Amino acid sequence: MRGHSERRPEARFGMHRFRIDAIADPQSLPRVAGAFAQRGIVPDALSARFDGETVRIEVTISGLDARQAAVIAAKLGATVAAIAVRLEAVEEAFA
């Protein structure tokens, strides 16, 4: 897989946002980050917000094709800590 610095032109590869709801466990955030790190991908943005017993994690990544994004979303959904995973293509304001 390509790292952040090796991505192809954005015409074929777009920006995707992953929204993960997970149990509020100290390992939830590292597990999500690890799914990207295993593929040599550095997110453009990552945020987490704890809300009682859950954590909402949002990860934005440019340079992925739809198939790559779907594979990562499926892997995230199979994580023990994951409650729900949503994936969306993001329209870039400057594109």
C-alpha atoms as a PDB file:
ATOM      1  CA  MET A   1       0.000   0.000   0.000  1.00  0.00           C
ATOM      2  CA  ARG A   2       1.068   3.560  -0.571  1.00  0.00           C
ATOM      3  CA  GLY A   3       2.112   5.877   2.209  1.00  0.00           C
ATOM      4  CA  HIS A   4       0.866   9.448   2.428  1.00  0.00           C
ATOM      5  CA  SER A   5       3.819  10.795   0.443  1.00  0.00           C
ATOM      6  CA  GLU A   6       3.442   8.221  -2.364  1.00  0.00           C
ATOM      7  CA  ARG A   7      -0.158   8.888  -3.379  1.00  0.00           C
ATOM      8  CA  ARG A   8      -1.205   9.237  -6.992  1.00  0.00           C
ATOM      9  CA  PRO A   9      -2.919  12.330  -8.416  1.00  0.00           C
ATOM     10  CA  GLU A  10      -6.251  13.176  -6.811  1.00  0.00           C
ATOM     11  CA  ALA A  11      -8.129  12.668 -10.100  1.00  0.00           C
ATOM     12  CA  ARG A  12      -8.298   8.910  -9.408  1.00  0.00           C
ATOM     13  CA  PHE A  13      -7.948   8.952  -5.651  1.00  0.00           C
ATOM     14  CA  GLY A  14     -10.258  10.985  -3.473  1.00  0.00           C
ATOM     15  CA  MET A  15     -10.737  12.072   0.082  1.00  0.00           C
ATOM     16  CA  HIS A  16     -12.668   9.878   2.504  1.00  0.00           C
ATOM     17  CA  ARG A  17     -13.966  10.384   6.027  1.00  0.00           C
ATOM     18  CA  PHE A  18     -14.330   7.466   8.410  1.00  0.00           C
ATOM     19  CA  ARG A  19     -16.689   7.926  11.377  1.00  0.00           C
ATOM     20  CA  ILE A  20     -16.263   5.258  13.999  1.00  0.00           C
ATOM     21  CA  ASP A  21     -18.383   4.860  17.120  1.00  0.00           C
ATOM     22  CA  ALA A  22     -16.544   2.664  19.604  1.00  0.00           C
ATOM     23  CA  ILE A  23     -16.722   1.705  23.235  1.00  0.00           C
ATOM     24  CA  ALA A  24     -14.977   4.197  25.517  1.00  0.00           C
ATOM     25  CA  ASP A  25     -11.935   2.041  26.130  1.00  0.00           C
ATOM     26  CA  PRO A  26      -8.306   3.190  26.315  1.00  0.00           C
ATOM     27  CA  GLN A  27      -7.489   0.888  23.366  1.00  0.00           C
ATOM     28  CA  SER A  28     -10.207   2.159  20.983  1.00  0.00           C
ATOM     29  CA  LEU A  29      -8.242   5.103  19.585  1.00  0.00           C
ATOM     30  CA  PRO A  30      -4.937   3.198  19.155  1.00  0.00           C
ATOM     31  CA  ARG A  31      -6.773   0.348  17.391  1.00  0.00           C
ATOM     32  CA  VAL A  32      -8.349   2.746  14.919  1.00  0.00           C
ATOM     33  CA  ALA A  33      -5.046   4.537  14.306  1.00  0.00           C
ATOM     34  CA  GLY A  34      -3.348   1.149  13.939  1.00  0.00           C
ATOM     35  CA  ALA A  35      -5.644   0.141  11.065  1.00  0.00           C
ATOM     36  CA  PHE A  36      -4.167   3.014   9.048  1.00  0.00           C
ATOM     37  CA  ALA A  37      -0.601   2.649  10.339  1.00  0.00           C
ATOM     38  CA  GLN A  38      -0.506  -1.007   9.218  1.00  0.00           C
ATOM     39  CA  ARG A  39      -1.017   0.249   5.668  1.00  0.00           C
ATOM     40  CA  GLY A  40       1.554   3.047   5.939  1.00  0.00           C
ATOM     41  CA  ILE A  41      -1.180   5.705   5.817  1.00  0.00           C
ATOM     42  CA  VAL A  42      -0.928   8.959   7.763  1.00  0.00           C
ATOM     43  CA  PRO A  43      -4.375  10.581   8.212  1.00  0.00           C
ATOM     44  CA  ASP A  44      -4.910  14.177   7.120  1.00  0.00           C
ATOM     45  CA  ALA A  45      -7.043  14.680  10.237  1.00  0.00           C
ATOM     46  CA  LEU A  46      -8.030  12.590  13.250  1.00  0.00           C
ATOM     47  CA  SER A  47     -10.298  13.603  16.114  1.00  0.00           C
ATOM     48  CA  ALA A  48     -11.966  11.830  19.012  1.00  0.00           C
ATOM     49  CA  ARG A  49     -14.775  12.897  21.308  1.00  0.00           C
ATOM     50  CA  PHE A  50     -15.753  10.889  24.374  1.00  0.00           C
ATOM     51  CA  ASP A  51     -19.419  10.840  25.337  1.00  0.00           C
ATOM     52  CA  GLY A  52     -20.068   8.697  28.391  1.00  0.00           C
ATOM     53  CA  GLU A  53     -19.645   5.073  27.376  1.00  0.00           C
ATOM     54  CA  THR A  54     -18.728   5.692  23.726  1.00  0.00           C
ATOM     55  CA  VAL A  55     -16.127   7.544  21.706  1.00  0.00           C
ATOM     56  CA  ARG A  56     -16.731   9.044  18.244  1.00  0.00           C
ATOM     57  CA  ILE A  57     -13.565   8.934  16.158  1.00  0.00           C
ATOM     58  CA  GLU A  58     -13.349  10.767  12.823  1.00  0.00           C
ATOM     59  CA  VAL A  59     -10.491  10.154  10.421  1.00  0.00           C
ATOM     60  CA  THR A  60     -10.043  12.021   7.121  1.00  0.00           C
ATOM     61  CA  ILE A  61      -7.665  10.652   4.510  1.00  0.00           C
ATOM     62  CA  SER A  62      -6.848  11.847   1.002  1.00  0.00           C
ATOM     63  CA  GLY A  63      -5.419   9.689  -1.743  1.00  0.00           C
ATOM     64  CA  LEU A  64      -7.513   6.532  -1.281  1.00  0.00           C
ATOM     65  CA  ASP A  65      -9.589   4.924  -3.970  1.00  0.00           C
ATOM     66  CA  ALA A  66     -13.089   3.698  -3.084  1.00  0.00           C
ATOM     67  CA  ARG A  67     -12.006   0.055  -2.857  1.00  0.00           C
ATOM     68  CA  GLN A  68      -9.149   0.795  -0.447  1.00  0.00           C
ATOM     69  CA  ALA A  69     -11.460   2.899   1.716  1.00  0.00           C
ATOM     70  CA  ALA A  70     -14.101   0.136   1.806  1.00  0.00           C
ATOM     71  CA  VAL A  71     -11.519  -2.480   2.837  1.00  0.00           C
ATOM     72  CA  ILE A  72     -10.279  -0.274   5.674  1.00  0.00           C
ATOM     73  CA  ALA A  73     -13.854   0.475   6.801  1.00  0.00           C
ATOM     74  CA  ALA A  74     -14.612  -3.266   6.905  1.00  0.00           C
ATOM     75  CA  LYS A  75     -11.476  -3.905   8.966  1.00  0.00           C
ATOM     76  CA  LEU A  76     -12.444  -1.122  11.361  1.00  0.00           C
ATOM     77  CA  GLY A  77     -15.942  -2.614  11.676  1.00  0.00           C
ATOM     78  CA  ALA A  78     -14.453  -5.969  12.645  1.00  0.00           C
ATOM     79  CA  THR A  79     -12.540  -4.384  15.530  1.00  0.00           C
ATOM     80  CA  VAL A  80     -13.751  -5.595  18.917  1.00  0.00           C
ATOM     81  CA  ALA A  81     -14.223  -2.027  20.178  1.00  0.00           C
ATOM     82  CA  ALA A  82     -16.248  -0.810  17.157  1.00  0.00           C
ATOM     83  CA  ILE A  83     -19.980  -0.233  17.541  1.00  0.00           C
ATOM     84  CA  ALA A  84     -20.555   1.327  14.094  1.00  0.00           C
ATOM     85  CA  VAL A  85     -18.436   2.494  11.151  1.00  0.00           C
ATOM     86  CA  ARG A  86     -19.548   4.933   8.471  1.00  0.00           C
ATOM     87  CA  LEU A  87     -17.561   5.845   5.379  1.00  0.00           C
ATOM     88  CA  GLU A  88     -18.198   8.810   3.116  1.00  0.00           C
ATOM     89  CA  ALA A  89     -16.455  10.375   0.160  1.00  0.00           C
ATOM     90  CA  VAL A  90     -15.627  14.009   0.881  1.00  0.00           C
ATOM     91  CA  GLU A  91     -15.945  16.737  -1.724  1.00  0.00           C
ATOM     92  CA  GLU A  92     -12.945  19.017  -1.437  1.00  0.00           C
ATOM     93  CA  ALA A  93     -13.853  22.704  -1.432  1.00  0.00           C
ATOM     94  CA  PHE A  94     -10.814  23.589  -3.544  1.00  0.00           C
ATOM     95  CA  ALA A  95     -11.216  20.758  -6.081  1.00  0.00           C
END
